[in-house]
Amino acid sequence: MAISLIAGSKLILLDEPSSGMDLTSKYKLWDILKEIKKGRIIILTTHYMDEADYLGDRIAIMGEGKIRCCGSNFYLKQNFGGGYKLLIEFTEKLRAAEKAELFANMEK
């Protein structure tokens, strides 16, 4: 990365740039990349959505060697979800005491 910056490259390709770094170094690197991206194209690969979310203007997600979706982090969260939903349906056979026991066990 340092050689790319010294040479003034307009296109920088980075493969897992923060892999193996401690948190302090990783966040410093992210800040440097945010700062230097003006006037450049930076393409990076990562397995970490927090890194892609922080650094990427556009994010492409690959699966089985193909791009499965592409867009801004807002677009991806709106269209492909941002969490999990748990739906529990009770049948008529489940009595009130059984419901209470089920919820008590879930809190543990």
PDB file of N, CA and C in Angstrom:
ATOM      1  N   MET A   1       0.827  -1.177   0.000  1.00  0.00           N
ATOM      2  CA  MET A   1       0.000   0.000   0.000  1.00  0.00           C
ATOM      3  C   MET A   1       0.869   1.236   0.000  1.00  0.00           C
ATOM      4  N   ALA A   2       1.954   1.215   0.774  1.00  0.00           N
ATOM      5  CA  ALA A   2       2.839   2.376   0.848  1.00  0.00           C
ATOM      6  C   ALA A   2       3.437   2.711  -0.515  1.00  0.00           C
ATOM      7  N   ILE A   3       3.841   1.699  -1.273  1.00  0.00           N
ATOM      8  CA  ILE A   3       4.413   1.939  -2.603  1.00  0.00           C
ATOM      9  C   ILE A   3       3.378   2.581  -3.512  1.00  0.00           C
ATOM     10  N   SER A   4       2.127   2.117  -3.438  1.00  0.00           N
ATOM     11  CA  SER A   4       1.057   2.705  -4.251  1.00  0.00           C
ATOM     12  C   SER A   4       0.870   4.175  -3.928  1.00  0.00           C
ATOM     13  N   LEU A   5       0.930   4.511  -2.644  1.00  0.00           N
ATOM     14  CA  LEU A   5       0.717   5.899  -2.231  1.00  0.00           C
ATOM     15  C   LEU A   5       1.890   6.788  -2.637  1.00  0.00           C
ATOM     16  N   ILE A   6       3.100   6.275  -2.489  1.00  0.00           N
ATOM     17  CA  ILE A   6       4.279   7.056  -2.853  1.00  0.00           C
ATOM     18  C   ILE A   6       4.290   7.326  -4.348  1.00  0.00           C
ATOM     19  N   ALA A   7       3.898   6.318  -5.144  1.00  0.00           N
ATOM     20  CA  ALA A   7       3.910   6.461  -6.601  1.00  0.00           C
ATOM     21  C   ALA A   7       2.754   7.309  -7.110  1.00  0.00           C
ATOM     22  N   GLY A   8       1.788   7.597  -6.263  1.00  0.00           N
ATOM     23  CA  GLY A   8       0.653   8.420  -6.672  1.00  0.00           C
ATOM     24  C   GLY A   8      -0.325   7.692  -7.575  1.00  0.00           C
ATOM     25  N   SER A   9      -0.422   6.387  -7.427  1.00  0.00           N
ATOM     26  CA  SER A   9      -1.316   5.581  -8.270  1.00  0.00           C
ATOM     27  C   SER A   9      -2.758   6.051  -8.137  1.00  0.00           C
ATOM     28  N   LYS A  10      -3.460   6.061  -9.270  1.00  0.00           N
ATOM     29  CA  LYS A  10      -4.877   6.433  -9.274  1.00  0.00           C
ATOM     30  C   LYS A  10      -5.779   5.223  -9.062  1.00  0.00           C
ATOM     31  N   LEU A  11      -5.216   4.023  -9.278  1.00  0.00           N
ATOM     32  CA  LEU A  11      -5.945   2.782  -9.058  1.00  0.00           C
ATOM     33  C   LEU A  11      -5.138   1.917  -8.095  1.00  0.00           C
ATOM     34  N   ILE A  12      -5.772   1.545  -6.991  1.00  0.00           N
ATOM     35  CA  ILE A  12      -5.102   0.722  -5.981  1.00  0.00           C
ATOM     36  C   ILE A  12      -5.954  -0.522  -5.740  1.00  0.00           C
ATOM     37  N   LEU A  13      -5.329  -1.697  -5.853  1.00  0.00           N
ATOM     38  CA  LEU A  13      -5.993  -2.964  -5.581  1.00  0.00           C
ATOM     39  C   LEU A  13      -5.440  -3.522  -4.281  1.00  0.00           C
ATOM     40  N   LEU A  14      -6.321  -3.806  -3.336  1.00  0.00           N
ATOM     41  CA  LEU A  14      -5.904  -4.324  -2.032  1.00  0.00           C
ATOM     42  C   LEU A  14      -6.646  -5.620  -1.745  1.00  0.00           C
ATOM     43  N   ASP A  15      -5.905  -6.642  -1.369  1.00  0.00           N
ATOM     44  CA  ASP A  15      -6.503  -7.929  -1.021  1.00  0.00           C
ATOM     45  C   ASP A  15      -6.362  -8.133   0.475  1.00  0.00           C
ATOM     46  N   GLU A  16      -7.488  -8.080   1.179  1.00  0.00           N
ATOM     47  CA  GLU A  16      -7.512  -8.257   2.636  1.00  0.00           C
ATOM     48  C   GLU A  16      -6.474  -7.358   3.331  1.00  0.00           C
ATOM     49  N   PRO A  17      -6.567  -6.037   3.155  1.00  0.00           N
ATOM     50  CA  PRO A  17      -5.520  -5.151   3.667  1.00  0.00           C
ATOM     51  C   PRO A  17      -5.343  -5.158   5.178  1.00  0.00           C
ATOM     52  N   SER A  18      -6.393  -5.427   5.924  1.00  0.00           N
ATOM     53  CA  SER A  18      -6.269  -5.379   7.385  1.00  0.00           C
ATOM     54  C   SER A  18      -6.229  -6.763   8.025  1.00  0.00           C
ATOM     55  N   SER A  19      -6.098  -7.790   7.215  1.00  0.00           N
ATOM     56  CA  SER A  19      -6.066  -9.158   7.740  1.00  0.00           C
ATOM     57  C   SER A  19      -4.865  -9.358   8.657  1.00  0.00           C
ATOM     58  N   GLY A  20      -5.121  -9.875   9.847  1.00  0.00           N
ATOM     59  CA  GLY A  20      -4.053 -10.168  10.798  1.00  0.00           C
ATOM     60  C   GLY A  20      -3.597  -8.997  11.637  1.00  0.00           C
ATOM     61  N   MET A  21      -4.213  -7.841  11.465  1.00  0.00           N
ATOM     62  CA  MET A  21      -3.808  -6.660  12.238  1.00  0.00           C
ATOM     63  C   MET A  21      -4.551  -6.605  13.569  1.00  0.00           C
ATOM     64  N   ASP A  22      -3.914  -5.989  14.556  1.00  0.00           N
ATOM     65  CA  ASP A  22      -4.623  -5.722  15.807  1.00  0.00           C
ATOM     66  C   ASP A  22      -5.624  -4.594  15.555  1.00  0.00           C
ATOM     67  N   LEU A  23      -6.570  -4.425  16.460  1.00  0.00           N
ATOM     68  CA  LEU A  23      -7.657  -3.467  16.239  1.00  0.00           C
ATOM     69  C   LEU A  23      -7.174  -2.035  16.045  1.00  0.00           C
ATOM     70  N   THR A  24      -6.208  -1.603  16.830  1.00  0.00           N
ATOM     71  CA  THR A  24      -5.715  -0.227  16.716  1.00  0.00           C
ATOM     72  C   THR A  24      -5.116   0.015  15.336  1.00  0.00           C
ATOM     73  N   SER A  25      -4.278  -0.897  14.886  1.00  0.00           N
ATOM     74  CA  SER A  25      -3.655  -0.766  13.564  1.00  0.00           C
ATOM     75  C   SER A  25      -4.695  -0.837  12.461  1.00  0.00           C
ATOM     76  N   LYS A  26      -5.670  -1.730  12.618  1.00  0.00           N
ATOM     77  CA  LYS A  26      -6.719  -1.877  11.612  1.00  0.00           C
ATOM     78  C   LYS A  26      -7.496  -0.578  11.440  1.00  0.00           C
ATOM     79  N   TYR A  27      -7.889   0.032  12.557  1.00  0.00           N
ATOM     80  CA  TYR A  27      -8.665   1.273  12.465  1.00  0.00           C
ATOM     81  C   TYR A  27      -7.834   2.425  11.927  1.00  0.00           C
ATOM     82  N   LYS A  28      -6.549   2.464  12.248  1.00  0.00           N
ATOM     83  CA  LYS A  28      -5.672   3.494  11.668  1.00  0.00           C
ATOM     84  C   LYS A  28      -5.565   3.316  10.158  1.00  0.00           C
ATOM     85  N   LEU A  29      -5.404   2.072   9.719  1.00  0.00           N
ATOM     86  CA  LEU A  29      -5.348   1.796   8.282  1.00  0.00           C
ATOM     87  C   LEU A  29      -6.640   2.227   7.604  1.00  0.00           C
ATOM     88  N   TRP A  30      -7.783   1.902   8.208  1.00  0.00           N
ATOM     89  CA  TRP A  30      -9.062   2.304   7.637  1.00  0.00           C
ATOM     90  C   TRP A  30      -9.157   3.824   7.494  1.00  0.00           C
ATOM     91  N   ASP A  31      -8.694   4.551   8.507  1.00  0.00           N
ATOM     92  CA  ASP A  31      -8.728   6.013   8.442  1.00  0.00           C
ATOM     93  C   ASP A  31      -7.828   6.533   7.330  1.00  0.00           C
ATOM     94  N   ILE A  32      -6.662   5.917   7.170  1.00  0.00           N
ATOM     95  CA  ILE A  32      -5.749   6.316   6.087  1.00  0.00           C
ATOM     96  C   ILE A  32      -6.405   6.070   4.733  1.00  0.00           C
ATOM     97  N   LEU A  33      -7.015   4.912   4.568  1.00  0.00           N
ATOM     98  CA  LEU A  33      -7.672   4.601   3.301  1.00  0.00           C
ATOM     99  C   LEU A  33      -8.828   5.553   3.016  1.00  0.00           C
ATOM    100  N   LYS A  34      -9.594   5.900   4.038  1.00  0.00           N
ATOM    101  CA  LYS A  34     -10.683   6.877   3.875  1.00  0.00           C
ATOM    102  C   LYS A  34     -10.141   8.218   3.401  1.00  0.00           C
ATOM    103  N   GLU A  35      -9.010   8.616   3.980  1.00  0.00           N
ATOM    104  CA  GLU A  35      -8.420   9.910   3.669  1.00  0.00           C
ATOM    105  C   GLU A  35      -7.840   9.954   2.258  1.00  0.00           C
ATOM    106  N   ILE A  36      -7.185   8.883   1.822  1.00  0.00           N
ATOM    107  CA  ILE A  36      -6.489   8.908   0.535  1.00  0.00           C
ATOM    108  C   ILE A  36      -7.367   8.519  -0.648  1.00  0.00           C
ATOM    109  N   LYS A  37      -8.616   8.118  -0.410  1.00  0.00           N
ATOM    110  CA  LYS A  37      -9.431   7.638  -1.520  1.00  0.00           C
ATOM    111  C   LYS A  37      -9.931   8.751  -2.444  1.00  0.00           C
ATOM    112  N   LYS A  38      -9.848   9.977  -2.019  1.00  0.00           N
ATOM    113  CA  LYS A  38     -10.278  11.092  -2.873  1.00  0.00           C
ATOM    114  C   LYS A  38      -9.381  11.164  -4.107  1.00  0.00           C
ATOM    115  N   GLY A  39      -9.993  11.125  -5.283  1.00  0.00           N
ATOM    116  CA  GLY A  39      -9.234  11.195  -6.523  1.00  0.00           C
ATOM    117  C   GLY A  39      -8.619   9.875  -6.949  1.00  0.00           C
ATOM    118  N   ARG A  40      -8.967   8.797  -6.271  1.00  0.00           N
ATOM    119  CA  ARG A  40      -8.440   7.468  -6.597  1.00  0.00           C
ATOM    120  C   ARG A  40      -9.579   6.460  -6.662  1.00  0.00           C
ATOM    121  N   ILE A  41      -9.277   5.359  -7.297  1.00  0.00           N
ATOM    122  CA  ILE A  41     -10.175   4.209  -7.267  1.00  0.00           C
ATOM    123  C   ILE A  41      -9.474   3.153  -6.436  1.00  0.00           C
ATOM    124  N   ILE A  42     -10.128   2.712  -5.370  1.00  0.00           N
ATOM    125  CA  ILE A  42      -9.570   1.672  -4.513  1.00  0.00           C
ATOM    126  C   ILE A  42     -10.525   0.483  -4.552  1.00  0.00           C
ATOM    127  N   ILE A  43      -9.989  -0.644  -4.973  1.00  0.00           N
ATOM    128  CA  ILE A  43     -10.756  -1.887  -4.978  1.00  0.00           C
ATOM    129  C   ILE A  43     -10.125  -2.794  -3.943  1.00  0.00           C
ATOM    130  N   LEU A  44     -10.952  -3.238  -2.993  1.00  0.00           N
ATOM    131  CA  LEU A  44     -10.395  -4.133  -1.978  1.00  0.00           C
ATOM    132  C   LEU A  44     -11.303  -5.327  -1.765  1.00  0.00           C
ATOM    133  N   THR A  45     -10.673  -6.424  -1.402  1.00  0.00           N
ATOM    134  CA  THR A  45     -11.425  -7.622  -1.045  1.00  0.00           C
ATOM    135  C   THR A  45     -11.362  -7.785   0.465  1.00  0.00           C
ATOM    136  N   THR A  46     -12.439  -8.290   1.037  1.00  0.00           N
ATOM    137  CA  THR A  46     -12.475  -8.513   2.476  1.00  0.00           C
ATOM    138  C   THR A  46     -13.538  -9.544   2.798  1.00  0.00           C
ATOM    139  N   HIS A  47     -13.377 -10.199   3.926  1.00  0.00           N
ATOM    140  CA  HIS A  47     -14.400 -11.101   4.440  1.00  0.00           C
ATOM    141  C   HIS A  47     -15.239 -10.410   5.509  1.00  0.00           C
ATOM    142  N   TYR A  48     -14.891  -9.183   5.862  1.00  0.00           N
ATOM    143  CA  TYR A  48     -15.516  -8.498   6.989  1.00  0.00           C
ATOM    144  C   TYR A  48     -16.458  -7.392   6.518  1.00  0.00           C
ATOM    145  N   MET A  49     -17.741  -7.543   6.844  1.00  0.00           N
ATOM    146  CA  MET A  49     -18.727  -6.540   6.429  1.00  0.00           C
ATOM    147  C   MET A  49     -18.494  -5.205   7.115  1.00  0.00           C
ATOM    148  N   ASP A  50     -17.956  -5.176   8.337  1.00  0.00           N
ATOM    149  CA  ASP A  50     -17.707  -3.894   8.982  1.00  0.00           C
ATOM    150  C   ASP A  50     -16.641  -3.116   8.218  1.00  0.00           C
ATOM    151  N   GLU A  51     -15.653  -3.805   7.677  1.00  0.00           N
ATOM    152  CA  GLU A  51     -14.623  -3.146   6.871  1.00  0.00           C
ATOM    153  C   GLU A  51     -15.218  -2.632   5.563  1.00  0.00           C
ATOM    154  N   ALA A  52     -16.009  -3.460   4.900  1.00  0.00           N
ATOM    155  CA  ALA A  52     -16.661  -3.045   3.653  1.00  0.00           C
ATOM    156  C   ALA A  52     -17.622  -1.887   3.907  1.00  0.00           C
ATOM    157  N   ASP A  53     -18.347  -1.949   5.007  1.00  0.00           N
ATOM    158  CA  ASP A  53     -19.316  -0.914   5.350  1.00  0.00           C
ATOM    159  C   ASP A  53     -18.622   0.422   5.609  1.00  0.00           C
ATOM    160  N   TYR A  54     -17.498   0.395   6.305  1.00  0.00           N
ATOM    161  CA  TYR A  54     -16.778   1.622   6.650  1.00  0.00           C
ATOM    162  C   TYR A  54     -16.061   2.229   5.442  1.00  0.00           C
ATOM    163  N   LEU A  55     -15.461   1.383   4.621  1.00  0.00           N
ATOM    164  CA  LEU A  55     -14.612   1.883   3.541  1.00  0.00           C
ATOM    165  C   LEU A  55     -15.308   2.001   2.190  1.00  0.00           C
ATOM    166  N   GLY A  56     -16.324   1.186   1.965  1.00  0.00           N
ATOM    167  CA  GLY A  56     -16.874   1.093   0.619  1.00  0.00           C
ATOM    168  C   GLY A  56     -17.965   2.092   0.299  1.00  0.00           C
ATOM    169  N   ASP A  57     -17.854   2.693  -0.884  1.00  0.00           N
ATOM    170  CA  ASP A  57     -18.963   3.484  -1.422  1.00  0.00           C
ATOM    171  C   ASP A  57     -19.961   2.547  -2.088  1.00  0.00           C
ATOM    172  N   ARG A  58     -19.419   1.499  -2.713  1.00  0.00           N
ATOM    173  CA  ARG A  58     -20.224   0.436  -3.310  1.00  0.00           C
ATOM    174  C   ARG A  58     -19.644  -0.888  -2.854  1.00  0.00           C
ATOM    175  N   ILE A  59     -20.522  -1.824  -2.554  1.00  0.00           N
ATOM    176  CA  ILE A  59     -20.104  -3.129  -2.060  1.00  0.00           C
ATOM    177  C   ILE A  59     -20.670  -4.187  -2.995  1.00  0.00           C
ATOM    178  N   ALA A  60     -19.813  -5.102  -3.432  1.00  0.00           N
ATOM    179  CA  ALA A  60     -20.256  -6.247  -4.230  1.00  0.00           C
ATOM    180  C   ALA A  60     -20.044  -7.497  -3.386  1.00  0.00           C
ATOM    181  N   ILE A  61     -21.058  -8.324  -3.310  1.00  0.00           N
ATOM    182  CA  ILE A  61     -20.976  -9.560  -2.538  1.00  0.00           C
ATOM    183  C   ILE A  61     -20.925 -10.725  -3.518  1.00  0.00           C
ATOM    184  N   MET A  62     -19.909 -11.576  -3.313  1.00  0.00           N
ATOM    185  CA  MET A  62     -19.709 -12.711  -4.209  1.00  0.00           C
ATOM    186  C   MET A  62     -20.088 -14.012  -3.529  1.00  0.00           C
ATOM    187  N   GLY A  63     -20.559 -14.939  -4.323  1.00  0.00           N
ATOM    188  CA  GLY A  63     -20.854 -16.290  -3.860  1.00  0.00           C
ATOM    189  C   GLY A  63     -20.631 -17.259  -5.003  1.00  0.00           C
ATOM    190  N   GLU A  64     -19.895 -18.311  -4.747  1.00  0.00           N
ATOM    191  CA  GLU A  64     -19.582 -19.316  -5.756  1.00  0.00           C
ATOM    192  C   GLU A  64     -18.932 -18.692  -6.997  1.00  0.00           C
ATOM    193  N   GLY A  65     -18.076 -17.698  -6.766  1.00  0.00           N
ATOM    194  CA  GLY A  65     -17.310 -17.092  -7.854  1.00  0.00           C
ATOM    195  C   GLY A  65     -18.058 -16.089  -8.708  1.00  0.00           C
ATOM    196  N   LYS A  66     -19.271 -15.709  -8.309  1.00  0.00           N
ATOM    197  CA  LYS A  66     -20.072 -14.754  -9.082  1.00  0.00           C
ATOM    198  C   LYS A  66     -20.537 -13.622  -8.185  1.00  0.00           C
ATOM    199  N   ILE A  67     -20.670 -12.439  -8.755  1.00  0.00           N
ATOM    200  CA  ILE A  67     -21.226 -11.319  -8.001  1.00  0.00           C
ATOM    201  C   ILE A  67     -22.722 -11.561  -7.849  1.00  0.00           C
ATOM    202  N   ARG A  68     -23.174 -11.639  -6.598  1.00  0.00           N
ATOM    203  CA  ARG A  68     -24.579 -11.932  -6.300  1.00  0.00           C
ATOM    204  C   ARG A  68     -25.413 -10.669  -6.110  1.00  0.00           C
ATOM    205  N   CYS A  69     -24.789  -9.605  -5.589  1.00  0.00           N
ATOM    206  CA  CYS A  69     -25.485  -8.328  -5.445  1.00  0.00           C
ATOM    207  C   CYS A  69     -24.439  -7.220  -5.337  1.00  0.00           C
ATOM    208  N   CYS A  70     -24.849  -6.020  -5.663  1.00  0.00           N
ATOM    209  CA  CYS A  70     -23.926  -4.889  -5.647  1.00  0.00           C
ATOM    210  C   CYS A  70     -24.717  -3.622  -5.362  1.00  0.00           C
ATOM    211  N   GLY A  71     -24.143  -2.739  -4.556  1.00  0.00           N
ATOM    212  CA  GLY A  71     -24.799  -1.475  -4.264  1.00  0.00           C
ATOM    213  C   GLY A  71     -24.178  -0.804  -3.054  1.00  0.00           C
ATOM    214  N   SER A  72     -24.773   0.284  -2.636  1.00  0.00           N
ATOM    215  CA  SER A  72     -24.313   0.982  -1.434  1.00  0.00           C
ATOM    216  C   SER A  72     -24.676   0.147  -0.215  1.00  0.00           C
ATOM    217  N   ASN A  73     -24.045   0.455   0.911  1.00  0.00           N
ATOM    218  CA  ASN A  73     -24.369  -0.310   2.113  1.00  0.00           C
ATOM    219  C   ASN A  73     -25.845  -0.116   2.497  1.00  0.00           C
ATOM    220  N   PHE A  74     -26.383   1.083   2.288  1.00  0.00           N
ATOM    221  CA  PHE A  74     -27.796   1.348   2.576  1.00  0.00           C
ATOM    222  C   PHE A  74     -28.692   0.486   1.692  1.00  0.00           C
ATOM    223  N   TYR A  75     -28.379   0.422   0.399  1.00  0.00           N
ATOM    224  CA  TYR A  75     -29.162  -0.380  -0.537  1.00  0.00           C
ATOM    225  C   TYR A  75     -29.149  -1.854  -0.129  1.00  0.00           C
ATOM    226  N   LEU A  76     -27.976  -2.373   0.196  1.00  0.00           N
ATOM    227  CA  LEU A  76     -27.870  -3.784   0.569  1.00  0.00           C
ATOM    228  C   LEU A  76     -28.650  -4.092   1.840  1.00  0.00           C
ATOM    229  N   LYS A  77     -28.581  -3.206   2.831  1.00  0.00           N
ATOM    230  CA  LYS A  77     -29.312  -3.429   4.079  1.00  0.00           C
ATOM    231  C   LYS A  77     -30.822  -3.346   3.854  1.00  0.00           C
ATOM    232  N   GLN A  78     -31.259  -2.408   3.012  1.00  0.00           N
ATOM    233  CA  GLN A  78     -32.687  -2.252   2.737  1.00  0.00           C
ATOM    234  C   GLN A  78     -33.255  -3.471   2.009  1.00  0.00           C
ATOM    235  N   ASN A  79     -32.492  -4.012   1.061  1.00  0.00           N
ATOM    236  CA  ASN A  79     -33.011  -5.063   0.200  1.00  0.00           C
ATOM    237  C   ASN A  79     -32.675  -6.481   0.644  1.00  0.00           C
ATOM    238  N   PHE A  80     -31.633  -6.638   1.435  1.00  0.00           N
ATOM    239  CA  PHE A  80     -31.219  -7.979   1.810  1.00  0.00           C
ATOM    240  C   PHE A  80     -31.179  -8.188   3.314  1.00  0.00           C
ATOM    241  N   GLY A  81     -31.654  -7.224   4.072  1.00  0.00           N
ATOM    242  CA  GLY A  81     -31.829  -7.412   5.507  1.00  0.00           C
ATOM    243  C   GLY A  81     -30.687  -6.897   6.344  1.00  0.00           C
ATOM    244  N   GLY A  82     -31.009  -6.660   7.581  1.00  0.00           N
ATOM    245  CA  GLY A  82     -30.031  -6.181   8.532  1.00  0.00           C
ATOM    246  C   GLY A  82     -30.220  -6.833   9.877  1.00  0.00           C
ATOM    247  N   GLY A  83     -30.550  -8.102   9.905  1.00  0.00           N
ATOM    248  CA  GLY A  83     -30.760  -8.778  11.171  1.00  0.00           C
ATOM    249  C   GLY A  83     -31.597 -10.018  10.980  1.00  0.00           C
ATOM    250  N   TYR A  84     -32.077 -10.526  12.087  1.00  0.00           N
ATOM    251  CA  TYR A  84     -32.857 -11.748  12.080  1.00  0.00           C
ATOM    252  C   TYR A  84     -34.213 -11.497  12.715  1.00  0.00           C
ATOM    253  N   LYS A  85     -35.192 -12.266  12.290  1.00  0.00           N
ATOM    254  CA  LYS A  85     -36.520 -12.214  12.889  1.00  0.00           C
ATOM    255  C   LYS A  85     -36.853 -13.602  13.404  1.00  0.00           C
ATOM    256  N   LEU A  86     -37.444 -13.650  14.582  1.00  0.00           N
ATOM    257  CA  LEU A  86     -37.871 -14.911  15.178  1.00  0.00           C
ATOM    258  C   LEU A  86     -39.380 -14.873  15.314  1.00  0.00           C
ATOM    259  N   LEU A  87     -40.031 -15.828  14.728  1.00  0.00           N
ATOM    260  CA  LEU A  87     -41.479 -15.908  14.780  1.00  0.00           C
ATOM    261  C   LEU A  87     -41.863 -17.178  15.528  1.00  0.00           C
ATOM    262  N   ILE A  88     -42.661 -17.022  16.578  1.00  0.00           N
ATOM    263  CA  ILE A  88     -43.143 -18.162  17.354  1.00  0.00           C
ATOM    264  C   ILE A  88     -44.661 -18.166  17.271  1.00  0.00           C
ATOM    265  N   GLU A  89     -45.195 -19.272  16.828  1.00  0.00           N
ATOM    266  CA  GLU A  89     -46.641 -19.423  16.762  1.00  0.00           C
ATOM    267  C   GLU A  89     -47.066 -20.507  17.738  1.00  0.00           C
ATOM    268  N   PHE A  90     -48.118 -20.226  18.481  1.00  0.00           N
ATOM    269  CA  PHE A  90     -48.633 -21.180  19.451  1.00  0.00           C
ATOM    270  C   PHE A  90     -49.905 -21.816  18.902  1.00  0.00           C
ATOM    271  N   THR A  91     -50.013 -23.093  19.110  1.00  0.00           N
ATOM    272  CA  THR A  91     -51.245 -23.767  18.721  1.00  0.00           C
ATOM    273  C   THR A  91     -52.216 -23.714  19.898  1.00  0.00           C
ATOM    274  N   GLU A  92     -53.431 -24.055  19.640  1.00  0.00           N
ATOM    275  CA  GLU A  92     -54.457 -24.054  20.693  1.00  0.00           C
ATOM    276  C   GLU A  92     -54.143 -25.080  21.770  1.00  0.00           C
ATOM    277  N   LYS A  93     -53.413 -26.109  21.432  1.00  0.00           N
ATOM    278  CA  LYS A  93     -53.121 -27.171  22.388  1.00  0.00           C
ATOM    279  C   LYS A  93     -52.118 -26.740  23.455  1.00  0.00           C
ATOM    280  N   LEU A  94     -51.346 -25.725  23.172  1.00  0.00           N
ATOM    281  CA  LEU A  94     -50.328 -25.279  24.124  1.00  0.00           C
ATOM    282  C   LEU A  94     -51.004 -24.425  25.192  1.00  0.00           C
ATOM    283  N   ARG A  95     -50.980 -24.880  26.411  1.00  0.00           N
ATOM    284  CA  ARG A  95     -51.658 -24.195  27.499  1.00  0.00           C
ATOM    285  C   ARG A  95     -50.832 -23.012  27.999  1.00  0.00           C
ATOM    286  N   ALA A  96     -51.462 -22.157  28.769  1.00  0.00           N
ATOM    287  CA  ALA A  96     -50.814 -20.958  29.303  1.00  0.00           C
ATOM    288  C   ALA A  96     -49.594 -21.308  30.148  1.00  0.00           C
ATOM    289  N   ALA A  97     -49.675 -22.352  30.954  1.00  0.00           N
ATOM    290  CA  ALA A  97     -48.538 -22.746  31.801  1.00  0.00           C
ATOM    291  C   ALA A  97     -47.349 -23.181  30.947  1.00  0.00           C
ATOM    292  N   GLU A  98     -47.631 -23.891  29.863  1.00  0.00           N
ATOM    293  CA  GLU A  98     -46.553 -24.322  28.971  1.00  0.00           C
ATOM    294  C   GLU A  98     -45.907 -23.118  28.282  1.00  0.00           C
ATOM    295  N   LYS A  99     -46.722 -22.120  27.920  1.00  0.00           N
ATOM    296  CA  LYS A  99     -46.192 -20.902  27.320  1.00  0.00           C
ATOM    297  C   LYS A  99     -45.250 -20.192  28.288  1.00  0.00           C
ATOM    298  N   ALA A 100     -45.685 -20.080  29.542  1.00  0.00           N
ATOM    299  CA  ALA A 100     -44.866 -19.411  30.553  1.00  0.00           C
ATOM    300  C   ALA A 100     -43.543 -20.150  30.754  1.00  0.00           C
ATOM    301  N   GLU A 101     -43.591 -21.472  30.776  1.00  0.00           N
ATOM    302  CA  GLU A 101     -42.374 -22.273  30.948  1.00  0.00           C
ATOM    303  C   GLU A 101     -41.437 -22.089  29.753  1.00  0.00           C
ATOM    304  N   LEU A 102     -41.991 -22.043  28.557  1.00  0.00           N
ATOM    305  CA  LEU A 102     -41.187 -21.851  27.353  1.00  0.00           C
ATOM    306  C   LEU A 102     -40.443 -20.521  27.410  1.00  0.00           C
ATOM    307  N   PHE A 103     -41.137 -19.449  27.744  1.00  0.00           N
ATOM    308  CA  PHE A 103     -40.516 -18.126  27.804  1.00  0.00           C
ATOM    309  C   PHE A 103     -39.507 -18.038  28.949  1.00  0.00           C
ATOM    310  N   ALA A 104     -39.789 -18.695  30.071  1.00  0.00           N
ATOM    311  CA  ALA A 104     -38.843 -18.699  31.196  1.00  0.00           C
ATOM    312  C   ALA A 104     -37.536 -19.380  30.782  1.00  0.00           C
ATOM    313  N   ASN A 105     -37.620 -20.459  30.033  1.00  0.00           N
ATOM    314  CA  ASN A 105     -36.423 -21.155  29.557  1.00  0.00           C
ATOM    315  C   ASN A 105     -35.647 -20.341  28.536  1.00  0.00           C
ATOM    316  N   MET A 106     -36.341 -19.541  27.736  1.00  0.00           N
ATOM    317  CA  MET A 106     -35.679 -18.708  26.719  1.00  0.00           C
ATOM    318  C   MET A 106     -34.865 -17.607  27.381  1.00  0.00           C
ATOM    319  N   GLU A 107     -35.301 -17.106  28.531  1.00  0.00           N
ATOM    320  CA  GLU A 107     -34.594 -16.028  29.220  1.00  0.00           C
ATOM    321  C   GLU A 107     -33.296 -16.498  29.828  1.00  0.00           C
ATOM    322  N   LYS A 108     -33.152 -17.796  30.082  1.00  0.00           N
ATOM    323  CA  LYS A 108     -31.931 -18.336  30.665  1.00  0.00           C
ATOM    324  C   LYS A 108     -30.887 -18.323  29.626  1.00  0.00           C
TER     325      LYS A 108
END
